[in-house]
Amino acid sequence: FPVTISIICQLFLDKRFERLTEPKLGSIWVYPAKTDSKGDIIKHGHILVQMTLDGLASNNSFGLHKGKFTVNYTIEQARKEFVVNRGLKEYIYGFKD
């Protein structure tokens, strides 16, 4: 399985977490990779952590902060890139209150 799918399985099974309809600080945003009928990845997914009210952080793959965990998306930017542009599903998890 692609890493993003196994992360969703772990979050679903771990009773400390719940799927959220409204994001909050510390939320884990998962965009699972899209695969073809043979299981080959055709669109790469991504995992982010909500660090501020509108800032999502992940491993930065490009530019000055390459290889560092930085706030590199707003919520709007992430949704545009992963849902609109790549056609991926969005899952948001957080610790149960």
C-alpha atoms as a PDB file:
ATOM      1  CA  PHE A   1       0.000   0.000   0.000  1.00  0.00           C
ATOM      2  CA  PRO A   2       1.141   3.562  -0.531  1.00  0.00           C
ATOM      3  CA  VAL A   3       2.215   5.219   2.705  1.00  0.00           C
ATOM      4  CA  THR A   4      -0.734   7.626   2.778  1.00  0.00           C
ATOM      5  CA  ILE A   5      -3.258   4.764   2.719  1.00  0.00           C
ATOM      6  CA  SER A   6      -1.503   2.914   5.547  1.00  0.00           C
ATOM      7  CA  ILE A   7      -1.489   6.152   7.603  1.00  0.00           C
ATOM      8  CA  ILE A   8      -5.275   6.436   7.204  1.00  0.00           C
ATOM      9  CA  CYS A   9      -5.651   2.817   8.350  1.00  0.00           C
ATOM     10  CA  GLN A  10      -3.514   3.490  11.436  1.00  0.00           C
ATOM     11  CA  LEU A  11      -5.423   6.667  12.316  1.00  0.00           C
ATOM     12  CA  PHE A  12      -8.750   4.892  11.828  1.00  0.00           C
ATOM     13  CA  LEU A  13      -7.724   1.976  14.064  1.00  0.00           C
ATOM     14  CA  ASP A  14      -6.099   4.096  16.778  1.00  0.00           C
ATOM     15  CA  LYS A  15      -8.875   4.980  19.234  1.00  0.00           C
ATOM     16  CA  ARG A  16      -7.052   8.174  20.286  1.00  0.00           C
ATOM     17  CA  PHE A  17      -7.912   9.728  16.901  1.00  0.00           C
ATOM     18  CA  GLU A  18     -11.142  10.612  15.165  1.00  0.00           C
ATOM     19  CA  ARG A  19     -12.005  11.836  11.691  1.00  0.00           C
ATOM     20  CA  LEU A  20     -12.830  15.532  11.787  1.00  0.00           C
ATOM     21  CA  THR A  21     -15.326  17.554   9.801  1.00  0.00           C
ATOM     22  CA  GLU A  22     -13.793  20.809  11.063  1.00  0.00           C
ATOM     23  CA  PRO A  23     -10.000  21.098  11.246  1.00  0.00           C
ATOM     24  CA  LYS A  24      -8.205  22.281  14.370  1.00  0.00           C
ATOM     25  CA  LEU A  25      -4.629  22.911  15.444  1.00  0.00           C
ATOM     26  CA  GLY A  26      -2.635  19.698  15.321  1.00  0.00           C
ATOM     27  CA  SER A  27      -4.948  18.065  12.777  1.00  0.00           C
ATOM     28  CA  ILE A  28      -3.395  15.540  10.428  1.00  0.00           C
ATOM     29  CA  TRP A  29      -4.423  16.119   6.820  1.00  0.00           C
ATOM     30  CA  VAL A  30      -4.067  13.076   4.552  1.00  0.00           C
ATOM     31  CA  TYR A  31      -4.421  13.091   0.787  1.00  0.00           C
ATOM     32  CA  PRO A  32      -3.983   9.440  -0.265  1.00  0.00           C
ATOM     33  CA  ALA A  33      -2.183   8.656  -3.491  1.00  0.00           C
ATOM     34  CA  LYS A  34      -4.335   7.714  -6.456  1.00  0.00           C
ATOM     35  CA  THR A  35      -3.530   4.330  -8.013  1.00  0.00           C
ATOM     36  CA  ASP A  36      -4.495   2.559 -11.203  1.00  0.00           C
ATOM     37  CA  SER A  37      -6.126  -0.882 -11.432  1.00  0.00           C
ATOM     38  CA  LYS A  38      -2.715  -2.564 -11.023  1.00  0.00           C
ATOM     39  CA  GLY A  39      -1.943  -0.599  -7.850  1.00  0.00           C
ATOM     40  CA  ASP A  40       0.656   1.643  -9.461  1.00  0.00           C
ATOM     41  CA  ILE A  41       0.661   5.228  -8.201  1.00  0.00           C
ATOM     42  CA  ILE A  42      -0.623   7.653 -10.818  1.00  0.00           C
ATOM     43  CA  LYS A  43      -0.999  10.715  -8.541  1.00  0.00           C
ATOM     44  CA  HIS A  44       1.180  11.170  -5.468  1.00  0.00           C
ATOM     45  CA  GLY A  45      -0.532  11.975  -2.189  1.00  0.00           C
ATOM     46  CA  HIS A  46       0.657  14.033   0.754  1.00  0.00           C
ATOM     47  CA  ILE A  47       0.396  14.266   4.541  1.00  0.00           C
ATOM     48  CA  LEU A  48       0.352  17.586   6.398  1.00  0.00           C
ATOM     49  CA  VAL A  49      -0.027  18.776   9.993  1.00  0.00           C
ATOM     50  CA  GLN A  50      -2.025  21.879  10.873  1.00  0.00           C
ATOM     51  CA  MET A  51       0.379  24.205  12.700  1.00  0.00           C
ATOM     52  CA  THR A  52      -1.628  27.467  12.689  1.00  0.00           C
ATOM     53  CA  LEU A  53      -5.247  28.394  12.014  1.00  0.00           C
ATOM     54  CA  ASP A  54      -4.510  28.419   8.276  1.00  0.00           C
ATOM     55  CA  GLY A  55      -0.998  26.948   8.004  1.00  0.00           C
ATOM     56  CA  LEU A  56      -0.263  23.332   7.066  1.00  0.00           C
ATOM     57  CA  ALA A  57       3.233  21.909   7.406  1.00  0.00           C
ATOM     58  CA  SER A  58       4.981  18.995   5.737  1.00  0.00           C
ATOM     59  CA  ASN A  59       8.345  17.932   4.450  1.00  0.00           C
ATOM     60  CA  ASN A  60       9.379  20.565   1.944  1.00  0.00           C
ATOM     61  CA  SER A  61      10.677  18.936  -1.240  1.00  0.00           C
ATOM     62  CA  PHE A  62      11.838  22.049  -3.072  1.00  0.00           C
ATOM     63  CA  GLY A  63      13.601  25.385  -2.774  1.00  0.00           C
ATOM     64  CA  LEU A  64      15.400  27.036   0.104  1.00  0.00           C
ATOM     65  CA  HIS A  65      13.811  24.822   2.777  1.00  0.00           C
ATOM     66  CA  LYS A  66      14.220  21.514   0.895  1.00  0.00           C
ATOM     67  CA  GLY A  67      14.136  18.556   3.266  1.00  0.00           C
ATOM     68  CA  LYS A  68      12.795  20.581   6.200  1.00  0.00           C
ATOM     69  CA  PHE A  69       9.433  20.360   7.949  1.00  0.00           C
ATOM     70  CA  THR A  70       7.909  23.764   7.277  1.00  0.00           C
ATOM     71  CA  VAL A  71       4.536  25.473   6.936  1.00  0.00           C
ATOM     72  CA  ASN A  72       4.271  25.317   3.170  1.00  0.00           C
ATOM     73  CA  TYR A  73       0.521  25.411   2.420  1.00  0.00           C
ATOM     74  CA  THR A  74      -2.522  27.352   3.507  1.00  0.00           C
ATOM     75  CA  ILE A  75      -5.709  25.296   3.751  1.00  0.00           C
ATOM     76  CA  GLU A  76      -6.934  26.832   0.497  1.00  0.00           C
ATOM     77  CA  GLN A  77      -3.635  26.088  -1.292  1.00  0.00           C
ATOM     78  CA  ALA A  78      -3.613  22.467  -0.097  1.00  0.00           C
ATOM     79  CA  ARG A  79      -7.176  21.856  -1.206  1.00  0.00           C
ATOM     80  CA  LYS A  80      -6.516  23.451  -4.592  1.00  0.00           C
ATOM     81  CA  GLU A  81      -3.358  21.396  -5.168  1.00  0.00           C
ATOM     82  CA  PHE A  82      -4.482  18.011  -3.886  1.00  0.00           C
ATOM     83  CA  VAL A  83      -8.275  17.944  -4.377  1.00  0.00           C
ATOM     84  CA  VAL A  84      -8.796  20.198  -7.394  1.00  0.00           C
ATOM     85  CA  ASN A  85      -5.554  19.725  -9.353  1.00  0.00           C
ATOM     86  CA  ARG A  86      -4.710  16.096  -8.464  1.00  0.00           C
ATOM     87  CA  GLY A  87      -8.231  14.804  -7.827  1.00  0.00           C
ATOM     88  CA  LEU A  88      -7.318  13.250  -4.457  1.00  0.00           C
ATOM     89  CA  LYS A  89      -9.618  12.604  -1.508  1.00  0.00           C
ATOM     90  CA  GLU A  90      -9.128  14.563   1.710  1.00  0.00           C
ATOM     91  CA  TYR A  91      -9.120  13.030   5.194  1.00  0.00           C
ATOM     92  CA  ILE A  92      -8.594  15.081   8.356  1.00  0.00           C
ATOM     93  CA  TYR A  93      -7.875  13.413  11.695  1.00  0.00           C
ATOM     94  CA  GLY A  94      -7.251  14.776  15.153  1.00  0.00           C
ATOM     95  CA  PHE A  95      -6.957  13.638  18.746  1.00  0.00           C
ATOM     96  CA  LYS A  96     -10.279  12.976  20.420  1.00  0.00           C
ATOM     97  CA  ASP A  97     -11.236  15.671  22.919  1.00  0.00           C
END
